Each structure stands twice: as structure tokens, then as C-alpha cells.
Amino acid sequence: MQYEERFTDAELGKIIEEGMIYMCACPAQLAEAMRKLRELHRYQQRCLTQPANDASVHQAIAASTVQAHALLQDCMDQVLDLEKWDRTTLDMPPNLRVRQMSEMMGDD
């Protein structure tokens, strides 16, 4: 499986920002998990360049990271579609904004 980033770091940041503003943590947590996997993948790539390291260990970690990242990207695509996020701007849909603001104000 090839490593692929369907969402840029900036796009993940935008999703996290929207989640923070409107108190909708689930997509933001997913974006943060993807960021952590990217860090792990980059770290493993650096480890693979060190001749003293056991390449098989870092290849195994990197391969698992690639698979996990792909699954989370699929999940993010699904969540954004299900919640009807604007895929161009990555703005949270108005209906979720209203719901979150209503919960903040105690207007259940």
C-alpha cells in the first residue's frame, strides 16, 4: 500500500479549527489522529535512513502507519460527506453550527 495524503496539513488544521469554534470534537479528533500518524510515518522514514537501525522493525511500523492513515482518511471522507461539510472550504455545515451554538446556550 502506498502512502497518500488526501488532506493537506492545512485542511486538517481547518477541520480542527471548525471543531474548536463550534464544539464539534469528533471530526477534529479524527484530524488530530491523522496528524499524529503522519508524524509517526515521517519518524519511521527517518529511522529507515539510519544504517544502525533494524530496518525490518521500522518497515513494519511504517507499513502499519500507512494502513491506519488510509483507514482514517476514508473515515474522514465519509464523515465530511455524512455531515455535509463544504468540501471546498471545509466549513462546518450551518445545521451543525446551529446545533452546537444551541447546546452552548443551553437551548436544548
C-alpha atoms as a PDB file:
ATOM      1  CA  MET A   1       0.000   0.000   0.000  1.00  0.00           C
ATOM      2  CA  GLN A   2       1.331   3.400  -0.973  1.00  0.00           C
ATOM      3  CA  TYR A   3       1.331   6.297   1.496  1.00  0.00           C
ATOM      4  CA  GLU A   4      -1.038   9.036   0.387  1.00  0.00           C
ATOM      5  CA  GLU A   5      -2.226  12.287   1.942  1.00  0.00           C
ATOM      6  CA  ARG A   6      -5.667  13.171   0.592  1.00  0.00           C
ATOM      7  CA  PHE A   7      -5.997  16.036   3.067  1.00  0.00           C
ATOM      8  CA  THR A   8      -3.263  18.621   3.407  1.00  0.00           C
ATOM      9  CA  ASP A   9      -1.971  19.567   6.838  1.00  0.00           C
ATOM     10  CA  ALA A  10      -3.706  22.926   6.346  1.00  0.00           C
ATOM     11  CA  GLU A  11      -7.019  21.199   5.608  1.00  0.00           C
ATOM     12  CA  LEU A  12      -6.690  19.083   8.749  1.00  0.00           C
ATOM     13  CA  GLY A  13      -5.969  22.287  10.643  1.00  0.00           C
ATOM     14  CA  LYS A  14      -9.127  23.870   9.233  1.00  0.00           C
ATOM     15  CA  ILE A  15     -11.243  20.894  10.338  1.00  0.00           C
ATOM     16  CA  ILE A  16      -9.719  21.108  13.817  1.00  0.00           C
ATOM     17  CA  GLU A  17     -10.362  24.862  13.916  1.00  0.00           C
ATOM     18  CA  GLU A  18     -14.001  24.419  12.910  1.00  0.00           C
ATOM     19  CA  GLY A  19     -14.390  21.766  15.592  1.00  0.00           C
ATOM     20  CA  MET A  20     -12.911  24.065  18.234  1.00  0.00           C
ATOM     21  CA  ILE A  21     -15.100  27.015  17.259  1.00  0.00           C
ATOM     22  CA  TYR A  22     -18.329  25.023  17.156  1.00  0.00           C
ATOM     23  CA  MET A  23     -17.519  22.481  19.858  1.00  0.00           C
ATOM     24  CA  CYS A  24     -17.794  19.526  17.498  1.00  0.00           C
ATOM     25  CA  ALA A  25     -14.877  17.398  18.583  1.00  0.00           C
ATOM     26  CA  CYS A  26     -15.325  14.219  16.561  1.00  0.00           C
ATOM     27  CA  PRO A  27     -14.061  15.403  13.136  1.00  0.00           C
ATOM     28  CA  ALA A  28     -11.356  17.399  14.918  1.00  0.00           C
ATOM     29  CA  GLN A  29     -10.206  14.331  16.858  1.00  0.00           C
ATOM     30  CA  LEU A  30     -10.073  12.357  13.640  1.00  0.00           C
ATOM     31  CA  ALA A  31      -7.979  15.099  12.013  1.00  0.00           C
ATOM     32  CA  GLU A  32      -5.644  15.156  15.013  1.00  0.00           C
ATOM     33  CA  ALA A  33      -5.226  11.369  14.865  1.00  0.00           C
ATOM     34  CA  MET A  34      -4.275  11.696  11.197  1.00  0.00           C
ATOM     35  CA  ARG A  35      -1.700  14.336  12.098  1.00  0.00           C
ATOM     36  CA  LYS A  36      -0.167  12.001  14.703  1.00  0.00           C
ATOM     37  CA  LEU A  37       0.029   9.159  12.188  1.00  0.00           C
ATOM     38  CA  ARG A  38       1.771  11.477   9.743  1.00  0.00           C
ATOM     39  CA  GLU A  39       4.325  12.353  12.403  1.00  0.00           C
ATOM     40  CA  LEU A  40       4.871   8.660  13.117  1.00  0.00           C
ATOM     41  CA  HIS A  41       5.274   7.897   9.416  1.00  0.00           C
ATOM     42  CA  ARG A  42       7.825  10.691   8.960  1.00  0.00           C
ATOM     43  CA  TYR A  43       9.707   9.486  12.025  1.00  0.00           C
ATOM     44  CA  GLN A  44       9.850   5.937  10.669  1.00  0.00           C
ATOM     45  CA  GLN A  45      11.135   7.205   7.338  1.00  0.00           C
ATOM     46  CA  ARG A  46      13.981   8.936   9.175  1.00  0.00           C
ATOM     47  CA  CYS A  47      14.702   5.765  11.173  1.00  0.00           C
ATOM     48  CA  LEU A  48      14.948   3.806   7.935  1.00  0.00           C
ATOM     49  CA  THR A  49      17.818   6.032   6.806  1.00  0.00           C
ATOM     50  CA  GLN A  50      19.950   5.064   9.808  1.00  0.00           C
ATOM     51  CA  PRO A  51      22.124   2.030   8.959  1.00  0.00           C
ATOM     52  CA  ALA A  52      22.407   1.025  12.633  1.00  0.00           C
ATOM     53  CA  ASN A  53      18.634   0.567  12.922  1.00  0.00           C
ATOM     54  CA  ASP A  54      16.875  -2.714  12.221  1.00  0.00           C
ATOM     55  CA  ALA A  55      15.060  -1.795   9.003  1.00  0.00           C
ATOM     56  CA  SER A  56      12.515  -4.587   9.382  1.00  0.00           C
ATOM     57  CA  VAL A  57      11.186  -3.023  12.598  1.00  0.00           C
ATOM     58  CA  HIS A  58      10.756   0.414  11.051  1.00  0.00           C
ATOM     59  CA  GLN A  59       9.324  -1.012   7.836  1.00  0.00           C
ATOM     60  CA  ALA A  60       6.700  -2.870   9.869  1.00  0.00           C
ATOM     61  CA  ILE A  61       5.764   0.261  11.808  1.00  0.00           C
ATOM     62  CA  ALA A  62       5.693   2.373   8.644  1.00  0.00           C
ATOM     63  CA  ALA A  63       3.517  -0.155   6.813  1.00  0.00           C
ATOM     64  CA  SER A  64       1.023  -0.284   9.676  1.00  0.00           C
ATOM     65  CA  THR A  65       1.007   3.500   9.833  1.00  0.00           C
ATOM     66  CA  VAL A  66       0.228   3.718   6.121  1.00  0.00           C
ATOM     67  CA  GLN A  67      -2.714   1.336   6.550  1.00  0.00           C
ATOM     68  CA  ALA A  68      -4.074   3.158   9.603  1.00  0.00           C
ATOM     69  CA  HIS A  69      -3.713   6.544   7.885  1.00  0.00           C
ATOM     70  CA  ALA A  70      -5.582   5.273   4.820  1.00  0.00           C
ATOM     71  CA  LEU A  71      -8.436   3.996   7.012  1.00  0.00           C
ATOM     72  CA  LEU A  72      -8.706   7.322   8.819  1.00  0.00           C
ATOM     73  CA  GLN A  73      -8.696   9.227   5.534  1.00  0.00           C
ATOM     74  CA  ASP A  74     -11.557   7.022   4.320  1.00  0.00           C
ATOM     75  CA  CYS A  75     -13.370   7.713   7.578  1.00  0.00           C
ATOM     76  CA  MET A  76     -12.802  11.468   7.244  1.00  0.00           C
ATOM     77  CA  ASP A  77     -14.197  11.407   3.712  1.00  0.00           C
ATOM     78  CA  GLN A  78     -17.239   9.536   4.998  1.00  0.00           C
ATOM     79  CA  VAL A  79     -17.777  11.876   7.981  1.00  0.00           C
ATOM     80  CA  LEU A  80     -17.488  15.004   5.843  1.00  0.00           C
ATOM     81  CA  ASP A  81     -19.980  13.548   3.367  1.00  0.00           C
ATOM     82  CA  LEU A  82     -22.419  12.333   6.040  1.00  0.00           C
ATOM     83  CA  GLU A  83     -22.357  15.671   7.857  1.00  0.00           C
ATOM     84  CA  LYS A  84     -22.422  17.583   4.542  1.00  0.00           C
ATOM     85  CA  TRP A  85     -19.326  19.706   5.139  1.00  0.00           C
ATOM     86  CA  ASP A  86     -18.394  22.124   2.356  1.00  0.00           C
ATOM     87  CA  ARG A  87     -15.625  20.149   0.658  1.00  0.00           C
ATOM     88  CA  THR A  88     -14.142  23.256  -0.949  1.00  0.00           C
ATOM     89  CA  THR A  89     -13.812  25.455   2.140  1.00  0.00           C
ATOM     90  CA  LEU A  90     -14.068  22.726   4.796  1.00  0.00           C
ATOM     91  CA  ASP A  91     -16.571  24.856   6.662  1.00  0.00           C
ATOM     92  CA  MET A  92     -18.811  23.004   9.058  1.00  0.00           C
ATOM     93  CA  PRO A  93     -22.379  22.901   7.734  1.00  0.00           C
ATOM     94  CA  PRO A  94     -24.769  25.512   9.123  1.00  0.00           C
ATOM     95  CA  ASN A  95     -27.080  22.908  10.698  1.00  0.00           C
ATOM     96  CA  LEU A  96     -24.222  21.620  12.869  1.00  0.00           C
ATOM     97  CA  ARG A  97     -23.189  25.157  13.761  1.00  0.00           C
ATOM     98  CA  VAL A  98     -26.711  25.943  14.915  1.00  0.00           C
ATOM     99  CA  ARG A  99     -26.889  22.727  16.942  1.00  0.00           C
ATOM    100  CA  GLN A 100     -23.555  23.377  18.631  1.00  0.00           C
ATOM    101  CA  MET A 101     -24.412  27.007  19.386  1.00  0.00           C
ATOM    102  CA  SER A 102     -27.774  25.894  20.778  1.00  0.00           C
ATOM    103  CA  GLU A 103     -26.036  23.400  23.081  1.00  0.00           C
ATOM    104  CA  MET A 104     -23.624  26.115  24.228  1.00  0.00           C
ATOM    105  CA  MET A 105     -26.505  28.431  25.073  1.00  0.00           C
ATOM    106  CA  GLY A 106     -28.437  25.653  26.841  1.00  0.00           C
ATOM    107  CA  ASP A 107     -31.323  25.822  24.363  1.00  0.00           C
ATOM    108  CA  ASP A 108     -31.775  22.043  24.137  1.00  0.00           C
END
